[in-house]
Amino acid sequence: MDILPAELVAQLCRFLDKPSLCSVRLTCRAFAIIAEECLFHDLEFRLYPSNHRLYQLEQLAANTSIASRLSCVSLESGVQLEYADYRYWQAQVYHDKSRTWEASLAPKGSTSTQYLEFHETLQARFTTDLPQRYDLYRWHLDQQASTMAQERVKDLLTRTLNKLHQSCPKLRFKLLMAEPQIFLEQLEAFNPEEYASEKPYDPDPRRRVVNRRQHCLAHFLNLLDAAKMSEYDTNDLTALDMPHQLLTVNGHHASQLMERVFAGLNRLELSVSAFPHSDWLSRNEGTDIYIHGRNTAARRLRMLLNCPSGLEELCLTFPSGKAAEYSFELFDRTNIDRFPRLWLPHLQVLTLCNFRCSWQDLHPFLLEAKHLRSLVMKNCWLETCSMIDVLELLTTRRLARAEVLGHWYVEEDSGQWHFHEDRDFTKCSAATSYEGPYVHSGLLAKVQDYIHGLSKCPLPRWTTQGHAGSLWETLGDTSAHYIPGPPQL
């Protein structure tokens, strides 16, 4: 191996898994440099509410060779489900492990002896002290979240990011809300005596729920504030499943912080969500979701989008069940003179998911985006026009990329359109023929060719009363098809 050229060793390393790459990296200095390139290429560091994880980020910043390959710092935070007691967790863990074990033996099957042995071994792992250990571990997670929400963590993150900037001048930031998972192996290794110095257990469940939500918002705000105070230009932000409370968070500093973050963005990917439902807080949420019948988070998002002056790429995904409220603020032209969409004319890449609007609003919206090069629209409820009208408009725009995907319920067509991607074409039971995941001759391919001006429209406009859409049904296939009737929820 020592006499092999470095290029050949690098090529061989591309076929190794991560544990093997770690072993190669420990062989010698020459192999360490080669394996490090493969192991840490396009590295994304995921930070979650943990003092140990924060310490690891500091150590990463001190290692210049690895830090120079860092491309993204993501923060994953969330709240624990209030109803996830020990019995709920035990049933979920038992189901997951049983399904994994059955999948591993799917080709050859399992004998009754193996079945009994597996379940007896798994059941024995749920010892009598595990319920108490589970409650203490959840309280430990709450304490870690409380620590990460403190002001000193923001200062520590700022210093760490400034140190990272010396080795990695460009960095993307990502926020992700996800429920903290508790694994059986973690619970078995957890020693409550090591954390006996933590605060005593809070018996008030409602107070615990309120604190979890406040800490989750503080985690996201701390990272955003640290990124703005650091030497980085926060022009690329991804926020997945963000709670709408983050858009309307109380406090003058938090409100100004969101405006400063949006003001410097060139690229934004945002999907709006909400905290998990809580029976304890159902009567006392603490915030006004609606003011004068308008969704405050949707109104705030519309105002924040007007903050950036150089926004070029935007991807918006609205929450299920609230698509009409957010779409109203984005598309409605009632008060467009008072609240113009300053960000829209300069946009070059636009992706919209889970929205609902009328053709009278969508048509001028797309015309106002004069500098668009790429447009993707997915999962829409469209009013007062036909799907043919949308395709004809996209044809006249001559965009470098224009795609219509997902499920579209079109009221004028009295039915729904399905435009499938490679990963979901087999999930639709209404598909009329099988053409494979990479079909190049189906209806969707013909629609895309029409949008880009390469062929005629494959869907004739239907005007006969009482038989609308029957011809569309016969032309559909696995890639794209029309289904008459209301949407199937």
Protein backbone atom coordinates (compact mmCIF):
# COMPACT_ATOMS: atom_id res chain seq x y z
CA MET A 1 0.00 0.00 0.00
CA ASP A 2 2.89 2.39 0.68
CA ILE A 3 4.06 2.30 -2.93
CA LEU A 4 0.62 2.96 -4.43
CA PRO A 5 0.04 6.44 -5.89
CA ALA A 6 -2.03 8.77 -3.72
CA GLU A 7 -4.64 9.09 -6.49
CA LEU A 8 -5.23 5.32 -6.52
CA VAL A 9 -5.54 5.18 -2.72
CA ALA A 10 -8.07 8.02 -2.86
CA GLN A 11 -10.07 6.11 -5.48
CA LEU A 12 -10.06 2.98 -3.31
CA CYS A 13 -11.21 4.97 -0.27
CA ARG A 14 -14.39 5.95 -2.10
CA PHE A 15 -15.59 2.34 -1.86
CA LEU A 16 -15.06 2.06 1.92
CA ASP A 17 -17.62 2.62 4.64
CA LYS A 18 -17.09 5.06 7.50
CA PRO A 19 -15.61 2.59 10.04
CA SER A 20 -13.09 1.44 7.42
CA LEU A 21 -12.22 5.02 6.54
CA CYS A 22 -11.54 5.73 10.21
CA SER A 23 -9.14 2.77 10.33
CA VAL A 24 -7.35 3.93 7.17
CA ARG A 25 -7.06 7.42 8.63
CA LEU A 26 -5.16 6.02 11.65
CA THR A 27 -2.65 4.13 9.50
CA CYS A 28 -0.15 6.88 8.71
CA ARG A 29 0.00 10.59 7.94
CA ALA A 30 -0.19 10.14 4.17
CA PHE A 31 -3.26 7.92 4.43
CA ALA A 32 -4.75 10.21 7.07
CA ILE A 33 -4.84 13.13 4.61
CA ILE A 34 -6.44 11.00 1.89
CA ALA A 35 -9.02 9.34 4.16
CA GLU A 36 -9.84 12.66 5.80
CA GLU A 37 -10.85 14.10 2.44
CA CYS A 38 -13.34 11.28 1.89
CA LEU A 39 -14.53 11.05 5.48
CA PHE A 40 -15.20 14.75 6.05
CA HIS A 41 -16.13 15.86 2.54
CA ASP A 42 -19.00 18.37 2.63
CA LEU A 43 -19.26 17.90 6.41
CA GLU A 44 -22.43 18.92 8.24
CA PHE A 45 -22.20 19.25 12.02
CA ARG A 46 -25.49 18.63 13.79
CA LEU A 47 -25.85 20.39 17.13
CA TYR A 48 -28.58 19.49 19.59
CA PRO A 49 -29.29 20.53 23.20
CA SER A 50 -26.36 18.86 24.92
CA ASN A 51 -23.33 20.25 26.72
CA HIS A 52 -21.21 17.43 25.32
CA ARG A 53 -22.29 18.22 21.76
CA LEU A 54 -21.44 21.87 22.26
CA TYR A 55 -18.00 20.82 23.50
CA GLN A 56 -17.53 18.74 20.35
CA LEU A 57 -18.26 21.82 18.22
CA GLU A 58 -15.53 23.69 20.09
CA GLN A 59 -13.10 20.84 19.44
CA LEU A 60 -14.04 20.83 15.77
CA ALA A 61 -13.29 24.55 15.52
CA ALA A 62 -9.84 23.91 17.02
CA ASN A 63 -9.03 21.28 14.37
CA THR A 64 -8.29 23.40 11.30
CA SER A 65 -7.90 20.50 8.85
CA ILE A 66 -11.41 19.16 9.56
CA ALA A 67 -13.01 22.56 10.13
CA SER A 68 -11.93 23.69 6.66
CA ARG A 69 -14.17 20.96 5.18
CA LEU A 70 -17.23 22.02 7.17
CA SER A 71 -20.10 23.18 4.97
CA CYS A 72 -23.10 23.45 7.31
CA VAL A 73 -23.92 23.84 11.00
CA SER A 74 -27.41 22.61 11.84
CA LEU A 75 -29.27 22.88 15.11
CA GLU A 76 -31.83 20.20 15.90
CA SER A 77 -34.18 20.95 18.76
CA GLY A 78 -37.74 20.10 19.71
CA VAL A 79 -40.11 19.28 22.52
CA GLN A 80 -40.98 15.93 24.01
CA LEU A 81 -44.51 14.71 23.48
CA GLU A 82 -46.50 15.27 26.65
CA TYR A 83 -48.44 12.02 26.30
CA ALA A 84 -45.31 9.91 25.63
CA ASP A 85 -45.23 8.15 28.99
CA TYR A 86 -43.24 4.99 29.65
CA ARG A 87 -45.89 2.60 28.33
CA TYR A 88 -46.21 4.57 25.09
CA TRP A 89 -42.42 4.60 24.67
CA GLN A 90 -42.10 0.89 25.52
CA ALA A 91 -44.69 -0.09 22.92
CA GLN A 92 -42.98 2.04 20.27
CA VAL A 93 -39.53 0.60 21.00
CA TYR A 94 -40.87 -2.95 21.04
CA HIS A 95 -42.59 -2.43 17.69
CA ASP A 96 -39.52 -0.88 16.03
CA LYS A 97 -37.11 -3.57 17.21
CA SER A 98 -39.50 -6.37 16.27
CA ARG A 99 -39.97 -4.92 12.79
CA THR A 100 -36.20 -4.55 12.32
CA TRP A 101 -35.60 -8.13 13.44
CA GLU A 102 -38.29 -9.48 11.12
CA ALA A 103 -36.89 -7.52 8.20
CA SER A 104 -33.42 -8.97 8.79
CA LEU A 105 -34.85 -12.49 8.49
CA ALA A 106 -37.27 -11.76 5.68
CA PRO A 107 -35.44 -13.77 2.94
CA LYS A 108 -35.18 -17.04 4.93
CA GLY A 109 -37.79 -16.63 7.66
CA SER A 110 -37.48 -17.53 11.33
CA THR A 111 -38.22 -20.62 13.35
CA SER A 112 -40.46 -20.69 16.39
CA THR A 113 -37.40 -21.15 18.60
CA GLN A 114 -35.74 -18.03 17.20
CA TYR A 115 -39.00 -16.12 17.59
CA LEU A 116 -39.38 -17.05 21.25
CA GLU A 117 -35.70 -16.40 21.99
CA PHE A 118 -35.76 -12.94 20.45
CA HIS A 119 -38.89 -11.81 22.29
CA GLU A 120 -37.76 -13.26 25.61
CA THR A 121 -34.43 -11.45 25.30
CA LEU A 122 -36.09 -8.19 24.33
CA GLN A 123 -38.67 -8.41 27.11
CA ALA A 124 -35.91 -9.07 29.66
CA ARG A 125 -34.30 -5.74 28.77
CA PHE A 126 -37.34 -3.87 30.11
CA THR A 127 -36.41 -4.23 33.77
CA THR A 128 -38.49 -3.11 36.73
CA ASP A 129 -36.41 0.03 37.29
CA LEU A 130 -36.71 1.19 33.69
CA PRO A 131 -39.93 3.28 34.20
CA GLN A 132 -38.26 5.41 36.86
CA ARG A 133 -35.09 5.62 34.77
CA TYR A 134 -37.19 6.76 31.81
CA ASP A 135 -38.77 9.64 33.79
CA LEU A 136 -35.37 10.71 35.11
CA TYR A 137 -33.87 10.65 31.63
CA ARG A 138 -36.68 12.84 30.29
CA TRP A 139 -36.00 15.26 33.12
CA HIS A 140 -32.30 15.12 32.22
CA LEU A 141 -33.18 16.13 28.64
CA ASP A 142 -35.22 19.03 30.03
CA GLN A 143 -32.23 20.19 32.05
CA GLN A 144 -29.95 19.99 29.03
CA ALA A 145 -32.47 22.06 27.06
CA SER A 146 -32.61 24.59 29.89
CA THR A 147 -28.82 24.92 29.91
CA MET A 148 -28.61 25.42 26.14
CA ALA A 149 -31.24 28.16 26.32
CA GLN A 150 -29.09 30.38 28.56
CA GLU A 151 -27.49 33.62 27.45
CA ARG A 152 -23.94 32.34 27.99
CA VAL A 153 -24.48 29.65 25.33
CA LYS A 154 -25.09 32.37 22.73
CA ASP A 155 -21.77 34.01 23.64
CA LEU A 156 -20.00 30.64 23.51
CA LEU A 157 -21.50 29.91 20.09
CA THR A 158 -20.35 33.32 18.84
CA ARG A 159 -16.75 32.67 19.90
CA THR A 160 -16.84 29.19 18.39
CA LEU A 161 -18.20 30.46 15.07
CA ASN A 162 -15.55 33.16 14.94
CA LYS A 163 -12.90 30.49 15.41
CA LEU A 164 -14.50 28.39 12.70
CA HIS A 165 -14.42 31.39 10.36
CA GLN A 166 -10.63 31.32 10.37
CA SER A 167 -10.64 27.87 8.71
CA CYS A 168 -14.03 27.90 6.99
CA PRO A 169 -15.01 31.36 5.68
CA LYS A 170 -18.31 30.19 4.13
CA LEU A 171 -20.95 28.32 6.10
CA ARG A 172 -24.61 27.41 5.74
CA PHE A 173 -26.95 27.38 8.73
CA LYS A 174 -29.84 25.00 9.22
CA LEU A 175 -32.58 24.84 11.85
CA LEU A 176 -34.60 21.67 12.35
CA MET A 177 -37.40 21.02 14.80
CA ALA A 178 -37.72 17.34 15.73
CA GLU A 179 -38.93 15.43 18.76
CA PRO A 180 -36.02 14.24 20.95
CA GLN A 181 -35.77 10.47 20.61
CA ILE A 182 -34.97 8.15 23.51
CA PHE A 183 -33.36 4.85 22.56
CA LEU A 184 -33.33 1.74 24.70
CA GLU A 185 -29.52 1.58 24.59
CA GLN A 186 -29.28 5.15 25.88
CA LEU A 187 -31.64 4.39 28.73
CA GLU A 188 -29.70 1.28 29.71
CA ALA A 189 -26.42 3.24 29.82
CA PHE A 190 -27.95 6.19 31.69
CA ASN A 191 -26.78 6.49 35.28
CA PRO A 192 -29.08 8.80 37.29
CA GLU A 193 -26.53 9.12 40.10
CA GLU A 194 -24.15 11.02 37.82
CA TYR A 195 -26.74 13.77 37.44
CA ALA A 196 -27.84 13.94 41.05
CA SER A 197 -26.69 17.58 41.22
CA GLU A 198 -29.31 18.72 38.70
CA LYS A 199 -32.42 20.59 39.73
CA PRO A 200 -35.06 18.54 41.53
CA TYR A 201 -37.80 17.02 39.44
CA ASP A 202 -40.64 19.46 38.66
CA PRO A 203 -43.99 17.78 39.48
CA ASP A 204 -46.05 20.39 37.58
CA PRO A 205 -46.63 18.96 34.06
CA ARG A 206 -48.02 22.19 32.64
CA ARG A 207 -44.96 24.17 33.75
CA ARG A 208 -42.69 21.52 32.19
CA VAL A 209 -44.52 21.84 28.87
CA VAL A 210 -44.28 25.64 28.87
CA ASN A 211 -40.57 25.50 29.65
CA ARG A 212 -39.91 22.99 26.87
CA ARG A 213 -41.50 25.28 24.30
CA GLN A 214 -39.72 28.36 25.54
CA HIS A 215 -36.38 26.55 25.57
CA CYS A 216 -36.89 25.26 22.03
CA LEU A 217 -37.50 28.80 20.73
CA ALA A 218 -34.50 30.06 22.70
CA HIS A 219 -32.26 27.42 21.06
CA PHE A 220 -33.10 28.65 17.57
CA LEU A 221 -32.81 32.31 18.55
CA ASN A 222 -29.43 31.72 20.22
CA LEU A 223 -27.95 30.19 17.07
CA LEU A 224 -29.38 32.90 14.83
CA ASP A 225 -28.15 35.64 17.16
CA ALA A 226 -24.70 34.05 17.41
CA ALA A 227 -24.50 33.73 13.62
CA LYS A 228 -25.39 37.42 13.17
CA MET A 229 -22.87 38.55 15.78
CA SER A 230 -20.12 36.38 14.32
CA GLU A 231 -17.98 37.16 11.30
CA TYR A 232 -20.16 35.04 9.03
CA ASP A 233 -22.54 36.42 6.44
CA THR A 234 -25.80 34.64 7.18
CA ASN A 235 -27.04 34.65 3.59
CA ASP A 236 -28.04 30.97 3.38
CA LEU A 237 -30.63 29.65 5.85
CA THR A 238 -32.61 26.42 5.94
CA ALA A 239 -35.41 26.11 8.52
CA LEU A 240 -37.36 22.84 8.43
CA ASP A 241 -40.57 22.25 10.38
CA MET A 242 -40.16 25.57 12.15
CA PRO A 243 -42.86 26.31 14.73
CA HIS A 244 -44.95 29.30 13.73
CA GLN A 245 -44.30 30.72 17.21
CA LEU A 246 -40.76 31.54 16.06
CA LEU A 247 -42.20 34.07 13.59
CA THR A 248 -44.23 35.82 16.29
CA VAL A 249 -41.94 35.36 19.27
CA ASN A 250 -42.44 37.97 21.98
CA GLY A 251 -39.78 40.49 22.83
CA HIS A 252 -38.30 43.48 21.04
CA HIS A 253 -34.86 41.89 20.69
CA ALA A 254 -36.24 38.66 19.22
CA SER A 255 -38.41 40.58 16.76
CA GLN A 256 -35.48 42.70 15.60
CA LEU A 257 -33.28 39.61 15.36
CA MET A 258 -35.66 37.93 12.91
CA GLU A 259 -35.71 41.08 10.79
CA ARG A 260 -31.90 41.28 10.77
CA VAL A 261 -31.62 37.60 9.85
CA PHE A 262 -34.06 37.92 6.95
CA ALA A 263 -32.46 41.18 5.77
CA GLY A 264 -29.17 39.49 4.86
CA LEU A 265 -30.55 36.38 3.13
CA ASN A 266 -29.78 35.37 -0.43
CA ARG A 267 -31.28 31.91 -0.10
CA LEU A 268 -34.10 30.76 2.19
CA GLU A 269 -35.72 27.35 2.56
CA LEU A 270 -38.56 27.50 5.08
CA SER A 271 -41.25 25.00 6.03
CA VAL A 272 -43.68 26.18 8.68
CA SER A 273 -45.01 23.77 11.29
CA ALA A 274 -46.20 23.90 14.89
CA PHE A 275 -45.38 22.47 18.28
CA PRO A 276 -46.96 19.08 19.02
CA HIS A 277 -50.48 19.29 20.40
CA SER A 278 -50.61 19.62 24.15
CA ASP A 279 -53.74 18.90 26.20
CA TRP A 280 -52.15 20.77 29.09
CA LEU A 281 -51.87 23.98 27.07
CA SER A 282 -55.00 23.73 24.95
CA ARG A 283 -56.75 26.36 27.07
CA ASN A 284 -53.76 28.57 27.73
CA GLU A 285 -51.45 28.75 24.73
CA GLY A 286 -50.01 32.10 25.80
CA THR A 287 -50.09 33.67 22.33
CA ASP A 288 -52.80 34.97 20.04
CA ILE A 289 -52.84 32.88 16.88
CA TYR A 290 -55.42 35.11 15.19
CA ILE A 291 -55.94 38.88 15.34
CA HIS A 292 -58.99 40.29 13.55
CA GLY A 293 -59.42 36.94 11.84
CA ARG A 294 -55.91 36.98 10.33
CA ASN A 295 -53.16 34.51 11.11
CA THR A 296 -50.46 36.51 12.91
CA ALA A 297 -47.65 34.14 11.90
CA ALA A 298 -48.65 34.37 8.23
CA ARG A 299 -48.77 38.17 8.39
CA ARG A 300 -45.39 38.24 10.10
CA LEU A 301 -43.89 35.99 7.44
CA ARG A 302 -45.16 38.31 4.70
CA MET A 303 -43.49 41.29 6.39
CA LEU A 304 -40.24 39.40 7.00
CA LEU A 305 -40.00 38.45 3.32
CA ASN A 306 -39.88 42.16 2.49
CA CYS A 307 -36.77 42.63 4.65
CA PRO A 308 -34.12 41.08 2.35
CA SER A 309 -32.88 43.17 -0.54
CA GLY A 310 -30.91 40.42 -2.30
CA LEU A 311 -33.12 37.34 -1.94
CA GLU A 312 -32.54 35.16 -5.02
CA GLU A 313 -33.69 31.67 -3.98
CA LEU A 314 -36.84 30.94 -1.97
CA CYS A 315 -38.48 27.65 -1.02
CA LEU A 316 -41.70 27.88 1.01
CA THR A 317 -43.73 24.98 2.41
CA PHE A 318 -46.93 25.92 4.24
CA PRO A 319 -48.35 23.75 7.05
CA SER A 320 -51.12 21.27 6.32
CA GLY A 321 -54.51 22.63 7.33
CA LYS A 322 -53.23 26.23 7.32
CA ALA A 323 -52.32 26.51 3.64
CA ALA A 324 -55.20 28.89 2.85
CA GLU A 325 -54.26 31.30 5.65
CA TYR A 326 -50.60 31.55 4.59
CA SER A 327 -51.47 31.63 0.91
CA PHE A 328 -53.85 34.52 1.49
CA GLU A 329 -51.02 36.67 2.82
CA LEU A 330 -48.73 35.62 -0.02
CA PHE A 331 -51.08 35.87 -3.02
CA ASP A 332 -54.02 38.10 -2.09
CA ARG A 333 -54.00 41.39 -4.00
CA THR A 334 -56.54 43.25 -1.88
CA ASN A 335 -53.91 45.32 -0.08
CA ILE A 336 -51.07 44.87 -2.54
CA ASP A 337 -50.62 48.65 -2.89
CA ARG A 338 -50.13 49.06 0.86
CA PHE A 339 -48.06 45.91 1.27
CA PRO A 340 -46.14 45.30 -1.99
CA ARG A 341 -44.14 42.13 -2.50
CA LEU A 342 -40.74 43.78 -2.73
CA TRP A 343 -38.90 40.46 -2.77
CA LEU A 344 -40.73 38.95 -5.73
CA PRO A 345 -39.34 40.90 -8.75
CA HIS A 346 -35.72 40.07 -7.82
CA LEU A 347 -36.32 36.36 -7.23
CA GLN A 348 -34.56 33.88 -9.53
CA VAL A 349 -35.45 30.48 -8.00
CA LEU A 350 -38.87 29.82 -6.44
CA THR A 351 -40.38 26.66 -4.95
CA LEU A 352 -43.90 26.64 -3.48
CA CYS A 353 -45.43 23.66 -1.65
CA ASN A 354 -48.82 23.12 0.00
CA PHE A 355 -50.52 26.35 -1.10
CA ARG A 356 -54.04 27.36 -2.09
CA CYS A 357 -55.06 30.30 -4.24
CA SER A 358 -57.23 31.48 -7.11
CA TRP A 359 -56.08 31.94 -10.68
CA GLN A 360 -56.77 35.67 -10.43
CA ASP A 361 -54.09 35.84 -7.72
CA LEU A 362 -51.63 33.23 -9.01
CA HIS A 363 -51.48 34.62 -12.55
CA PRO A 364 -50.28 38.15 -11.63
CA PHE A 365 -48.03 36.66 -8.94
CA LEU A 366 -46.10 34.66 -11.53
CA LEU A 367 -46.02 37.58 -13.97
CA GLU A 368 -44.60 39.84 -11.25
CA ALA A 369 -41.63 37.48 -10.81
CA LYS A 370 -39.92 38.84 -13.91
CA HIS A 371 -36.43 37.41 -13.32
CA LEU A 372 -37.38 33.82 -12.49
CA ARG A 373 -35.14 31.11 -13.93
CA SER A 374 -36.55 28.16 -11.99
CA LEU A 375 -40.10 27.55 -10.76
CA VAL A 376 -41.40 24.46 -8.93
CA MET A 377 -44.98 24.27 -7.67
CA LYS A 378 -46.14 21.26 -5.68
CA ASN A 379 -49.39 20.29 -3.91
CA CYS A 380 -51.88 23.04 -4.68
CA TRP A 381 -55.59 23.73 -4.35
CA LEU A 382 -56.38 25.89 -7.38
CA GLU A 383 -59.58 27.85 -7.87
CA THR A 384 -61.33 29.45 -10.86
CA CYS A 385 -59.22 28.06 -13.71
CA SER A 386 -58.23 24.86 -15.45
CA MET A 387 -54.92 23.02 -15.23
CA ILE A 388 -54.46 23.82 -18.91
CA ASP A 389 -54.31 27.53 -18.05
CA VAL A 390 -51.38 26.93 -15.68
CA LEU A 391 -49.48 24.93 -18.28
CA GLU A 392 -50.08 27.56 -20.95
CA LEU A 393 -48.74 30.32 -18.70
CA LEU A 394 -45.60 28.33 -17.91
CA THR A 395 -45.07 27.78 -21.63
CA THR A 396 -45.05 31.52 -22.30
CA ARG A 397 -42.49 32.17 -19.53
CA ARG A 398 -39.75 30.03 -21.15
CA LEU A 399 -38.08 29.23 -17.84
CA ALA A 400 -34.90 27.19 -17.62
CA ARG A 401 -36.68 24.93 -15.16
CA ALA A 402 -40.43 24.75 -14.62
CA GLU A 403 -42.10 21.80 -12.89
CA VAL A 404 -45.59 21.04 -11.66
CA LEU A 405 -45.52 18.21 -9.10
CA GLY A 406 -47.60 16.59 -6.42
CA HIS A 407 -51.38 16.65 -6.06
CA TRP A 408 -53.39 19.50 -7.56
CA TYR A 409 -57.10 19.84 -6.84
CA VAL A 410 -58.50 22.13 -9.54
CA GLU A 411 -62.05 23.29 -8.89
CA GLU A 412 -62.70 24.30 -12.50
CA ASP A 413 -61.72 20.80 -13.66
CA SER A 414 -63.93 19.20 -10.98
CA GLY A 415 -61.14 16.84 -10.05
CA GLN A 416 -57.55 16.37 -9.00
CA TRP A 417 -54.32 15.98 -10.93
CA HIS A 418 -51.46 13.76 -9.79
CA PHE A 419 -47.94 14.52 -11.02
CA HIS A 420 -45.62 11.89 -9.57
CA GLU A 421 -41.90 11.97 -8.88
CA ASP A 422 -39.62 8.95 -9.04
CA ARG A 423 -39.94 8.26 -5.33
CA ASP A 424 -43.74 8.31 -5.06
CA PHE A 425 -45.06 6.92 -8.34
CA THR A 426 -45.81 3.51 -6.80
CA LYS A 427 -47.79 4.92 -3.87
CA CYS A 428 -50.76 6.04 -5.96
CA SER A 429 -53.45 3.36 -6.29
CA ALA A 430 -55.13 5.30 -9.12
CA ALA A 431 -52.27 4.76 -11.60
CA THR A 432 -53.56 3.08 -14.75
CA SER A 433 -50.34 1.58 -16.10
CA TYR A 434 -46.83 0.74 -14.92
CA GLU A 435 -44.00 2.51 -16.71
CA GLY A 436 -41.16 2.31 -14.20
CA PRO A 437 -39.61 4.90 -11.90
CA TYR A 438 -37.52 6.57 -14.60
CA VAL A 439 -40.12 6.85 -17.32
CA HIS A 440 -39.22 9.14 -20.22
CA SER A 441 -42.29 8.68 -22.38
CA GLY A 442 -45.18 9.09 -19.95
CA LEU A 443 -47.67 11.93 -19.66
CA LEU A 444 -45.51 13.84 -17.16
CA ALA A 445 -42.59 13.88 -19.61
CA LYS A 446 -44.90 15.15 -22.35
CA VAL A 447 -46.21 17.89 -20.06
CA GLN A 448 -42.66 18.96 -19.22
CA ASP A 449 -41.77 19.06 -22.91
CA TYR A 450 -44.80 21.25 -23.56
CA ILE A 451 -43.87 23.62 -20.73
CA HIS A 452 -40.42 24.09 -22.26
CA GLY A 453 -41.81 24.58 -25.76
CA LEU A 454 -40.54 21.26 -27.17
CA SER A 455 -43.93 19.80 -28.15
CA LYS A 456 -47.63 20.48 -28.32
CA CYS A 457 -49.90 20.24 -25.30
CA PRO A 458 -50.70 16.55 -24.68
CA LEU A 459 -53.95 17.44 -22.90
CA PRO A 460 -56.77 18.81 -25.09
CA ARG A 461 -58.98 21.44 -23.56
CA TRP A 462 -62.35 19.88 -22.67
CA THR A 463 -65.44 22.04 -22.85
CA THR A 464 -68.40 19.64 -23.20
CA GLN A 465 -70.78 20.04 -20.29
CA GLY A 466 -71.34 16.96 -18.15
CA HIS A 467 -68.34 15.03 -19.48
CA ALA A 468 -65.46 17.21 -18.34
CA GLY A 469 -62.29 15.31 -17.77
CA SER A 470 -63.27 11.95 -19.25
CA LEU A 471 -60.70 12.29 -22.00
CA TRP A 472 -58.07 13.33 -19.47
CA GLU A 473 -58.67 10.07 -17.60
CA THR A 474 -57.90 7.95 -20.65
CA LEU A 475 -54.67 9.85 -21.36
CA GLY A 476 -53.28 9.44 -17.84
CA ASP A 477 -50.64 6.93 -16.80
CA THR A 478 -48.44 6.22 -13.79
CA SER A 479 -46.42 9.40 -14.15
CA ALA A 480 -49.40 11.79 -14.33
CA HIS A 481 -53.16 11.31 -14.36
CA TYR A 482 -56.49 12.98 -13.66
CA ILE A 483 -59.01 11.74 -11.07
CA PRO A 484 -62.51 13.21 -11.12
CA GLY A 485 -64.20 14.21 -7.91
CA PRO A 486 -63.19 15.95 -4.66
CA PRO A 487 -59.70 15.48 -3.16
CA GLN A 488 -59.06 12.26 -1.28
CA LEU A 489 -57.95 13.31 2.20
